[in-house]
Each structure stands twice: as C-alpha cells, then as structure tokens.
Amino acid sequence: PGLAHAPSPVSRPSGHFGVVRRCRERSTGTFYAAKCVKTRRLRGGRRGLERAQVEREVAILRQLHHPNIMRLHDLLASRAEMVLVLEL
C-alpha cells in the first residue's frame, strides 16, 4: 500500500526538518497526514534529523495504541527523506 499514497500539493504546517501534508490512499479514498522528514546519515551533517531519531519515533508509534495519539499507518523511506503516514 506504500505507493498508493499521493501527497497533496497543498502544504500543511512545516517545521525545521520537514512538512506535513494531507494525502489520500488511492485504493480506499481514505485521507491521512504525511509527515515528510528530511534525514541525514551522519551526525556531522547539518540538515535534517538523524535517521536513527526518525526510526526511534517510528518504533514508538508502532507500539502506542492510544485514542489521543495519531496511529502510524505506513512508512515510506528514501535515502534523503522518510514519510510517516499517520491517521488523521
């Protein structure tokens, strides 16, 4: 289902390391929040979060099941960016 997500061109609130966009799963029509985070591989890099930090956030989100916390639906990753697909 990872490739079925198409981020909307309309940006939502952005932060220092990324942006949150609304996206829709093509097969179901369900809307999600796509948290696009720029990553870096090395500690010495100046842009983006360390990949390990984002992976830790993903691990925590996968374990949590609480009505007040957005659930992780999917994760898309490339060399320079990770996209966390979260329920709205």
PDB file of N, CA and C in Angstrom:
ATOM      1  N   PRO A   1       0.804  -1.199   0.000  1.00  0.00           N
ATOM      2  CA  PRO A   1       0.000   0.000   0.000  1.00  0.00           C
ATOM      3  C   PRO A   1       0.846   1.262   0.000  1.00  0.00           C
ATOM      4  N   GLY A   2       2.178   1.159   0.181  1.00  0.00           N
ATOM      5  CA  GLY A   2       3.020   2.338   0.303  1.00  0.00           C
ATOM      6  C   GLY A   2       2.962   3.260  -0.895  1.00  0.00           C
ATOM      7  N   LEU A   3       2.944   2.721  -2.094  1.00  0.00           N
ATOM      8  CA  LEU A   3       2.952   3.569  -3.278  1.00  0.00           C
ATOM      9  C   LEU A   3       1.583   4.139  -3.599  1.00  0.00           C
ATOM     10  N   ALA A   4       0.577   3.737  -2.859  1.00  0.00           N
ATOM     11  CA  ALA A   4      -0.767   4.237  -3.122  1.00  0.00           C
ATOM     12  C   ALA A   4      -0.995   5.600  -2.506  1.00  0.00           C
ATOM     13  N   HIS A   5      -0.033   6.115  -1.774  1.00  0.00           N
ATOM     14  CA  HIS A   5      -0.198   7.407  -1.130  1.00  0.00           C
ATOM     15  C   HIS A   5       0.330   8.511  -2.045  1.00  0.00           C
ATOM     16  N   ALA A   6      -0.485   9.502  -2.274  1.00  0.00           N
ATOM     17  CA  ALA A   6      -0.075  10.628  -3.095  1.00  0.00           C
ATOM     18  C   ALA A   6      -0.217  11.903  -2.286  1.00  0.00           C
ATOM     19  N   PRO A   7       0.900  12.473  -1.782  1.00  0.00           N
ATOM     20  CA  PRO A   7       0.791  13.699  -1.006  1.00  0.00           C
ATOM     21  C   PRO A   7       0.150  14.827  -1.796  1.00  0.00           C
ATOM     22  N   SER A   8      -0.709  15.545  -1.124  1.00  0.00           N
ATOM     23  CA  SER A   8      -1.393  16.683  -1.728  1.00  0.00           C
ATOM     24  C   SER A   8      -0.399  17.805  -1.960  1.00  0.00           C
ATOM     25  N   PRO A   9      -0.555  18.580  -3.017  1.00  0.00           N
ATOM     26  CA  PRO A   9       0.360  19.696  -3.240  1.00  0.00           C
ATOM     27  C   PRO A   9       0.166  20.825  -2.233  1.00  0.00           C
ATOM     28  N   VAL A  10      -0.928  20.805  -1.485  1.00  0.00           N
ATOM     29  CA  VAL A  10      -1.185  21.852  -0.501  1.00  0.00           C
ATOM     30  C   VAL A  10      -0.441  21.499   0.778  1.00  0.00           C
ATOM     31  N   SER A  11       0.521  22.332   1.164  1.00  0.00           N
ATOM     32  CA  SER A  11       1.311  22.063   2.355  1.00  0.00           C
ATOM     33  C   SER A  11       0.549  22.418   3.611  1.00  0.00           C
ATOM     34  N   ARG A  12       0.835  21.699   4.649  1.00  0.00           N
ATOM     35  CA  ARG A  12       0.305  21.955   5.974  1.00  0.00           C
ATOM     36  C   ARG A  12       1.441  22.548   6.799  1.00  0.00           C
ATOM     37  N   PRO A  13       1.255  22.682   8.091  1.00  0.00           N
ATOM     38  CA  PRO A  13       2.314  23.289   8.906  1.00  0.00           C
ATOM     39  C   PRO A  13       3.675  22.641   8.669  1.00  0.00           C
ATOM     40  N   SER A  14       4.689  23.470   8.542  1.00  0.00           N
ATOM     41  CA  SER A  14       6.022  22.949   8.312  1.00  0.00           C
ATOM     42  C   SER A  14       6.904  23.274   9.503  1.00  0.00           C
ATOM     43  N   GLY A  15       7.913  22.452   9.680  1.00  0.00           N
ATOM     44  CA  GLY A  15       8.856  22.647  10.764  1.00  0.00           C
ATOM     45  C   GLY A  15      10.250  22.805  10.205  1.00  0.00           C
ATOM     46  N   HIS A  16      11.216  22.755  11.083  1.00  0.00           N
ATOM     47  CA  HIS A  16      12.601  22.956  10.685  1.00  0.00           C
ATOM     48  C   HIS A  16      13.110  21.821   9.796  1.00  0.00           C
ATOM     49  N   PHE A  17      12.626  20.604  10.009  1.00  0.00           N
ATOM     50  CA  PHE A  17      13.152  19.455   9.294  1.00  0.00           C
ATOM     51  C   PHE A  17      12.202  18.870   8.269  1.00  0.00           C
ATOM     52  N   GLY A  18      10.988  19.355   8.178  1.00  0.00           N
ATOM     53  CA  GLY A  18      10.058  18.747   7.237  1.00  0.00           C
ATOM     54  C   GLY A  18       8.733  19.473   7.175  1.00  0.00           C
ATOM     55  N   VAL A  19       7.770  18.783   6.570  1.00  0.00           N
ATOM     56  CA  VAL A  19       6.461  19.374   6.353  1.00  0.00           C
ATOM     57  C   VAL A  19       5.409  18.277   6.497  1.00  0.00           C
ATOM     58  N   VAL A  20       4.205  18.665   6.900  1.00  0.00           N
ATOM     59  CA  VAL A  20       3.091  17.728   6.999  1.00  0.00           C
ATOM     60  C   VAL A  20       2.104  18.072   5.892  1.00  0.00           C
ATOM     61  N   ARG A  21       1.717  17.061   5.136  1.00  0.00           N
ATOM     62  CA  ARG A  21       0.766  17.250   4.035  1.00  0.00           C
ATOM     63  C   ARG A  21      -0.375  16.260   4.159  1.00  0.00           C
ATOM     64  N   ARG A  22      -1.510  16.645   3.642  1.00  0.00           N
ATOM     65  CA  ARG A  22      -2.636  15.723   3.604  1.00  0.00           C
ATOM     66  C   ARG A  22      -2.479  14.837   2.380  1.00  0.00           C
ATOM     67  N   CYS A  23      -2.706  13.540   2.546  1.00  0.00           N
ATOM     68  CA  CYS A  23      -2.613  12.627   1.412  1.00  0.00           C
ATOM     69  C   CYS A  23      -3.817  11.697   1.428  1.00  0.00           C
ATOM     70  N   ARG A  24      -4.048  11.050   0.291  1.00  0.00           N
ATOM     71  CA  ARG A  24      -5.196  10.149   0.157  1.00  0.00           C
ATOM     72  C   ARG A  24      -4.717   8.821  -0.391  1.00  0.00           C
ATOM     73  N   GLU A  25      -5.183   7.749   0.227  1.00  0.00           N
ATOM     74  CA  GLU A  25      -4.871   6.422  -0.278  1.00  0.00           C
ATOM     75  C   GLU A  25      -5.772   6.166  -1.485  1.00  0.00           C
ATOM     76  N   ARG A  26      -5.178   5.915  -2.617  1.00  0.00           N
ATOM     77  CA  ARG A  26      -5.942   5.793  -3.867  1.00  0.00           C
ATOM     78  C   ARG A  26      -6.941   4.646  -3.847  1.00  0.00           C
ATOM     79  N   SER A  27      -6.565   3.517  -3.256  1.00  0.00           N
ATOM     80  CA  SER A  27      -7.442   2.346  -3.301  1.00  0.00           C
ATOM     81  C   SER A  27      -8.688   2.491  -2.441  1.00  0.00           C
ATOM     82  N   THR A  28      -8.593   3.241  -1.334  1.00  0.00           N
ATOM     83  CA  THR A  28      -9.734   3.359  -0.421  1.00  0.00           C
ATOM     84  C   THR A  28     -10.334   4.756  -0.362  1.00  0.00           C
ATOM     85  N   GLY A  29      -9.577   5.761  -0.780  1.00  0.00           N
ATOM     86  CA  GLY A  29     -10.047   7.138  -0.691  1.00  0.00           C
ATOM     87  C   GLY A  29      -9.885   7.739   0.695  1.00  0.00           C
ATOM     88  N   THR A  30      -9.251   7.019   1.613  1.00  0.00           N
ATOM     89  CA  THR A  30      -9.059   7.492   2.980  1.00  0.00           C
ATOM     90  C   THR A  30      -7.959   8.541   3.024  1.00  0.00           C
ATOM     91  N   PHE A  31      -8.185   9.615   3.787  1.00  0.00           N
ATOM     92  CA  PHE A  31      -7.198  10.678   3.939  1.00  0.00           C
ATOM     93  C   PHE A  31      -6.310  10.419   5.146  1.00  0.00           C
ATOM     94  N   TYR A  32      -5.037  10.791   5.004  1.00  0.00           N
ATOM     95  CA  TYR A  32      -4.036  10.643   6.046  1.00  0.00           C
ATOM     96  C   TYR A  32      -3.184  11.904   6.097  1.00  0.00           C
ATOM     97  N   ALA A  33      -2.359  12.007   7.134  1.00  0.00           N
ATOM     98  CA  ALA A  33      -1.355  13.069   7.235  1.00  0.00           C
ATOM     99  C   ALA A  33      -0.015  12.448   6.881  1.00  0.00           C
ATOM    100  N   ALA A  34       0.696  13.037   5.930  1.00  0.00           N
ATOM    101  CA  ALA A  34       2.019  12.553   5.533  1.00  0.00           C
ATOM    102  C   ALA A  34       3.060  13.489   6.133  1.00  0.00           C
ATOM    103  N   LYS A  35       3.788  12.995   7.115  1.00  0.00           N
ATOM    104  CA  LYS A  35       4.831  13.776   7.769  1.00  0.00           C
ATOM    105  C   LYS A  35       6.137  13.491   7.037  1.00  0.00           C
ATOM    106  N   CYS A  36       6.568  14.427   6.209  1.00  0.00           N
ATOM    107  CA  CYS A  36       7.772  14.273   5.389  1.00  0.00           C
ATOM    108  C   CYS A  36       8.959  14.864   6.154  1.00  0.00           C
ATOM    109  N   VAL A  37       9.915  14.017   6.528  1.00  0.00           N
ATOM    110  CA  VAL A  37      11.040  14.437   7.352  1.00  0.00           C
ATOM    111  C   VAL A  37      12.337  14.239   6.581  1.00  0.00           C
ATOM    112  N   LYS A  38      13.112  15.302   6.445  1.00  0.00           N
ATOM    113  CA  LYS A  38      14.421  15.191   5.806  1.00  0.00           C
ATOM    114  C   LYS A  38      15.363  14.513   6.785  1.00  0.00           C
ATOM    115  N   THR A  39      16.134  13.555   6.277  1.00  0.00           N
ATOM    116  CA  THR A  39      17.044  12.809   7.139  1.00  0.00           C
ATOM    117  C   THR A  39      18.476  12.962   6.665  1.00  0.00           C
ATOM    118  N   ARG A  40      19.365  12.697   7.591  1.00  0.00           N
ATOM    119  CA  ARG A  40      20.796  12.684   7.275  1.00  0.00           C
ATOM    120  C   ARG A  40      21.365  11.407   7.856  1.00  0.00           C
ATOM    121  N   ARG A  41      22.425  10.951   7.277  1.00  0.00           N
ATOM    122  CA  ARG A  41      23.009   9.683   7.718  1.00  0.00           C
ATOM    123  C   ARG A  41      24.007   9.887   8.852  1.00  0.00           C
ATOM    124  N   LEU A  42      24.741  10.969   8.808  1.00  0.00           N
ATOM    125  CA  LEU A  42      25.820  11.157   9.765  1.00  0.00           C
ATOM    126  C   LEU A  42      25.497  12.262  10.760  1.00  0.00           C
ATOM    127  N   ARG A  43      26.076  12.151  11.939  1.00  0.00           N
ATOM    128  CA  ARG A  43      25.873  13.156  12.967  1.00  0.00           C
ATOM    129  C   ARG A  43      26.407  14.515  12.557  1.00  0.00           C
ATOM    130  N   GLY A  44      27.462  14.523  11.801  1.00  0.00           N
ATOM    131  CA  GLY A  44      28.091  15.784  11.413  1.00  0.00           C
ATOM    132  C   GLY A  44      27.301  16.576  10.389  1.00  0.00           C
ATOM    133  N   GLY A  45      26.319  15.952   9.746  1.00  0.00           N
ATOM    134  CA  GLY A  45      25.522  16.658   8.749  1.00  0.00           C
ATOM    135  C   GLY A  45      24.711  17.770   9.388  1.00  0.00           C
ATOM    136  N   ARG A  46      24.483  18.828   8.661  1.00  0.00           N
ATOM    137  CA  ARG A  46      23.795  19.984   9.233  1.00  0.00           C
ATOM    138  C   ARG A  46      22.314  20.010   8.919  1.00  0.00           C
ATOM    139  N   ARG A  47      21.874  19.318   7.903  1.00  0.00           N
ATOM    140  CA  ARG A  47      20.463  19.386   7.509  1.00  0.00           C
ATOM    141  C   ARG A  47      19.736  18.102   7.865  1.00  0.00           C
ATOM    142  N   GLY A  48      18.532  18.258   8.362  1.00  0.00           N
ATOM    143  CA  GLY A  48      17.687  17.118   8.647  1.00  0.00           C
ATOM    144  C   GLY A  48      17.983  16.442   9.971  1.00  0.00           C
ATOM    145  N   LEU A  49      17.113  15.532  10.321  1.00  0.00           N
ATOM    146  CA  LEU A  49      17.270  14.748  11.536  1.00  0.00           C
ATOM    147  C   LEU A  49      18.113  13.512  11.247  1.00  0.00           C
ATOM    148  N   GLU A  50      18.756  13.020  12.281  1.00  0.00           N
ATOM    149  CA  GLU A  50      19.475  11.763  12.110  1.00  0.00           C
ATOM    150  C   GLU A  50      18.451  10.671  11.828  1.00  0.00           C
ATOM    151  N   ARG A  51      18.778   9.797  10.931  1.00  0.00           N
ATOM    152  CA  ARG A  51      17.867   8.720  10.547  1.00  0.00           C
ATOM    153  C   ARG A  51      17.458   7.878  11.766  1.00  0.00           C
ATOM    154  N   ALA A  52      18.383   7.679  12.681  1.00  0.00           N
ATOM    155  CA  ALA A  52      18.094   6.890  13.884  1.00  0.00           C
ATOM    156  C   ALA A  52      17.010   7.549  14.735  1.00  0.00           C
ATOM    157  N   GLN A  53      16.977   8.874  14.774  1.00  0.00           N
ATOM    158  CA  GLN A  53      15.939   9.578  15.540  1.00  0.00           C
ATOM    159  C   GLN A  53      14.558   9.305  14.958  1.00  0.00           C
ATOM    160  N   VAL A  54      14.453   9.348  13.649  1.00  0.00           N
ATOM    161  CA  VAL A  54      13.168   9.105  12.993  1.00  0.00           C
ATOM    162  C   VAL A  54      12.764   7.644  13.168  1.00  0.00           C
ATOM    163  N   GLU A  55      13.721   6.739  13.048  1.00  0.00           N
ATOM    164  CA  GLU A  55      13.424   5.315  13.236  1.00  0.00           C
ATOM    165  C   GLU A  55      12.948   5.044  14.666  1.00  0.00           C
ATOM    166  N   ARG A  56      13.498   5.767  15.633  1.00  0.00           N
ATOM    167  CA  ARG A  56      13.051   5.614  17.024  1.00  0.00           C
ATOM    168  C   ARG A  56      11.613   6.097  17.185  1.00  0.00           C
ATOM    169  N   GLU A  57      11.285   7.230  16.561  1.00  0.00           N
ATOM    170  CA  GLU A  57       9.910   7.731  16.592  1.00  0.00           C
ATOM    171  C   GLU A  57       8.946   6.713  15.978  1.00  0.00           C
ATOM    172  N   VAL A  58       9.345   6.118  14.877  1.00  0.00           N
ATOM    173  CA  VAL A  58       8.518   5.110  14.206  1.00  0.00           C
ATOM    174  C   VAL A  58       8.303   3.906  15.118  1.00  0.00           C
ATOM    175  N   ALA A  59       9.363   3.443  15.766  1.00  0.00           N
ATOM    176  CA  ALA A  59       9.251   2.299  16.671  1.00  0.00           C
ATOM    177  C   ALA A  59       8.289   2.595  17.814  1.00  0.00           C
ATOM    178  N   ILE A  60       8.341   3.798  18.350  1.00  0.00           N
ATOM    179  CA  ILE A  60       7.438   4.185  19.439  1.00  0.00           C
ATOM    180  C   ILE A  60       6.007   4.256  18.940  1.00  0.00           C
ATOM    181  N   LEU A  61       5.799   4.863  17.777  1.00  0.00           N
ATOM    182  CA  LEU A  61       4.441   4.986  17.230  1.00  0.00           C
ATOM    183  C   LEU A  61       3.830   3.623  16.934  1.00  0.00           C
ATOM    184  N   ARG A  62       4.644   2.675  16.516  1.00  0.00           N
ATOM    185  CA  ARG A  62       4.136   1.328  16.236  1.00  0.00           C
ATOM    186  C   ARG A  62       3.663   0.621  17.504  1.00  0.00           C
ATOM    187  N   GLN A  63       4.247   0.965  18.638  1.00  0.00           N
ATOM    188  CA  GLN A  63       3.888   0.329  19.902  1.00  0.00           C
ATOM    189  C   GLN A  63       2.692   0.984  20.578  1.00  0.00           C
ATOM    190  N   LEU A  64       2.481   2.269  20.317  1.00  0.00           N
ATOM    191  CA  LEU A  64       1.426   3.003  21.011  1.00  0.00           C
ATOM    192  C   LEU A  64       0.059   2.782  20.376  1.00  0.00           C
ATOM    193  N   HIS A  65      -0.922   2.598  21.228  1.00  0.00           N
ATOM    194  CA  HIS A  65      -2.312   2.489  20.789  1.00  0.00           C
ATOM    195  C   HIS A  65      -3.145   3.288  21.785  1.00  0.00           C
ATOM    196  N   HIS A  66      -3.287   4.582  21.507  1.00  0.00           N
ATOM    197  CA  HIS A  66      -3.997   5.482  22.414  1.00  0.00           C
ATOM    198  C   HIS A  66      -4.908   6.374  21.576  1.00  0.00           C
ATOM    199  N   PRO A  67      -6.128   6.655  22.054  1.00  0.00           N
ATOM    200  CA  PRO A  67      -7.066   7.456  21.257  1.00  0.00           C
ATOM    201  C   PRO A  67      -6.598   8.897  20.995  1.00  0.00           C
ATOM    202  N   ASN A  68      -5.688   9.419  21.801  1.00  0.00           N
ATOM    203  CA  ASN A  68      -5.226  10.801  21.627  1.00  0.00           C
ATOM    204  C   ASN A  68      -3.916  10.909  20.847  1.00  0.00           C
ATOM    205  N   ILE A  69      -3.389   9.785  20.377  1.00  0.00           N
ATOM    206  CA  ILE A  69      -2.141   9.785  19.617  1.00  0.00           C
ATOM    207  C   ILE A  69      -2.419   9.233  18.224  1.00  0.00           C
ATOM    208  N   MET A  70      -1.950   9.972  17.211  1.00  0.00           N
ATOM    209  CA  MET A  70      -2.159   9.545  15.830  1.00  0.00           C
ATOM    210  C   MET A  70      -1.444   8.222  15.594  1.00  0.00           C
ATOM    211  N   ARG A  71      -2.141   7.289  14.955  1.00  0.00           N
ATOM    212  CA  ARG A  71      -1.558   5.975  14.674  1.00  0.00           C
ATOM    213  C   ARG A  71      -0.785   6.006  13.369  1.00  0.00           C
ATOM    214  N   LEU A  72       0.320   5.294  13.362  1.00  0.00           N
ATOM    215  CA  LEU A  72       1.143   5.180  12.163  1.00  0.00           C
ATOM    216  C   LEU A  72       0.483   4.187  11.219  1.00  0.00           C
ATOM    217  N   HIS A  73       0.186   4.631  10.002  1.00  0.00           N
ATOM    218  CA  HIS A  73      -0.452   3.762   9.007  1.00  0.00           C
ATOM    219  C   HIS A  73       0.588   3.110   8.098  1.00  0.00           C
ATOM    220  N   ASP A  74       1.609   3.883   7.716  1.00  0.00           N
ATOM    221  CA  ASP A  74       2.601   3.383   6.771  1.00  0.00           C
ATOM    222  C   ASP A  74       3.873   4.207   6.904  1.00  0.00           C
ATOM    223  N   LEU A  75       4.951   3.687   6.365  1.00  0.00           N
ATOM    224  CA  LEU A  75       6.233   4.376   6.359  1.00  0.00           C
ATOM    225  C   LEU A  75       6.856   4.227   4.986  1.00  0.00           C
ATOM    226  N   LEU A  76       7.246   5.342   4.401  1.00  0.00           N
ATOM    227  CA  LEU A  76       7.932   5.352   3.112  1.00  0.00           C
ATOM    228  C   LEU A  76       9.306   5.977   3.354  1.00  0.00           C
ATOM    229  N   ALA A  77      10.346   5.376   2.817  1.00  0.00           N
ATOM    230  CA  ALA A  77      11.693   5.888   3.088  1.00  0.00           C
ATOM    231  C   ALA A  77      12.530   5.913   1.823  1.00  0.00           C
ATOM    232  N   SER A  78      13.306   6.964   1.709  1.00  0.00           N
ATOM    233  CA  SER A  78      14.317   7.065   0.661  1.00  0.00           C
ATOM    234  C   SER A  78      15.624   7.445   1.359  1.00  0.00           C
ATOM    235  N   ARG A  79      16.636   7.665   0.602  1.00  0.00           N
ATOM    236  CA  ARG A  79      17.940   7.991   1.189  1.00  0.00           C
ATOM    237  C   ARG A  79      17.915   9.326   1.938  1.00  0.00           C
ATOM    238  N   ALA A  80      17.197  10.297   1.416  1.00  0.00           N
ATOM    239  CA  ALA A  80      17.225  11.642   1.990  1.00  0.00           C
ATOM    240  C   ALA A  80      15.969  12.027   2.761  1.00  0.00           C
ATOM    241  N   GLU A  81      14.938  11.175   2.739  1.00  0.00           N
ATOM    242  CA  GLU A  81      13.679  11.571   3.359  1.00  0.00           C
ATOM    243  C   GLU A  81      12.917  10.339   3.845  1.00  0.00           C
ATOM    244  N   MET A  82      12.185  10.531   4.948  1.00  0.00           N
ATOM    245  CA  MET A  82      11.263   9.492   5.429  1.00  0.00           C
ATOM    246  C   MET A  82       9.891  10.129   5.528  1.00  0.00           C
ATOM    247  N   VAL A  83       8.863   9.391   5.106  1.00  0.00           N
ATOM    248  CA  VAL A  83       7.496   9.883   5.149  1.00  0.00           C
ATOM    249  C   VAL A  83       6.705   8.976   6.079  1.00  0.00           C
ATOM    250  N   LEU A  84       6.225   9.553   7.177  1.00  0.00           N
ATOM    251  CA  LEU A  84       5.390   8.824   8.118  1.00  0.00           C
ATOM    252  C   LEU A  84       3.947   9.115   7.751  1.00  0.00           C
ATOM    253  N   VAL A  85       3.187   8.109   7.389  1.00  0.00           N
ATOM    254  CA  VAL A  85       1.783   8.265   7.028  1.00  0.00           C
ATOM    255  C   VAL A  85       0.967   7.983   8.277  1.00  0.00           C
ATOM    256  N   LEU A  86       0.304   9.027   8.782  1.00  0.00           N
ATOM    257  CA  LEU A  86      -0.418   8.956  10.053  1.00  0.00           C
ATOM    258  C   LEU A  86      -1.908   9.139   9.848  1.00  0.00           C
ATOM    259  N   GLU A  87      -2.705   8.471  10.691  1.00  0.00           N
ATOM    260  CA  GLU A  87      -4.150   8.660  10.637  1.00  0.00           C
ATOM    261  C   GLU A  87      -4.486  10.074  11.052  1.00  0.00           C
ATOM    262  N   LEU A  88      -5.507  10.635  10.435  1.00  0.00           N
ATOM    263  CA  LEU A  88      -5.964  11.972  10.819  1.00  0.00           C
ATOM    264  C   LEU A  88      -6.877  11.896  12.018  1.00  0.00           C
TER     265      LEU A  88
END
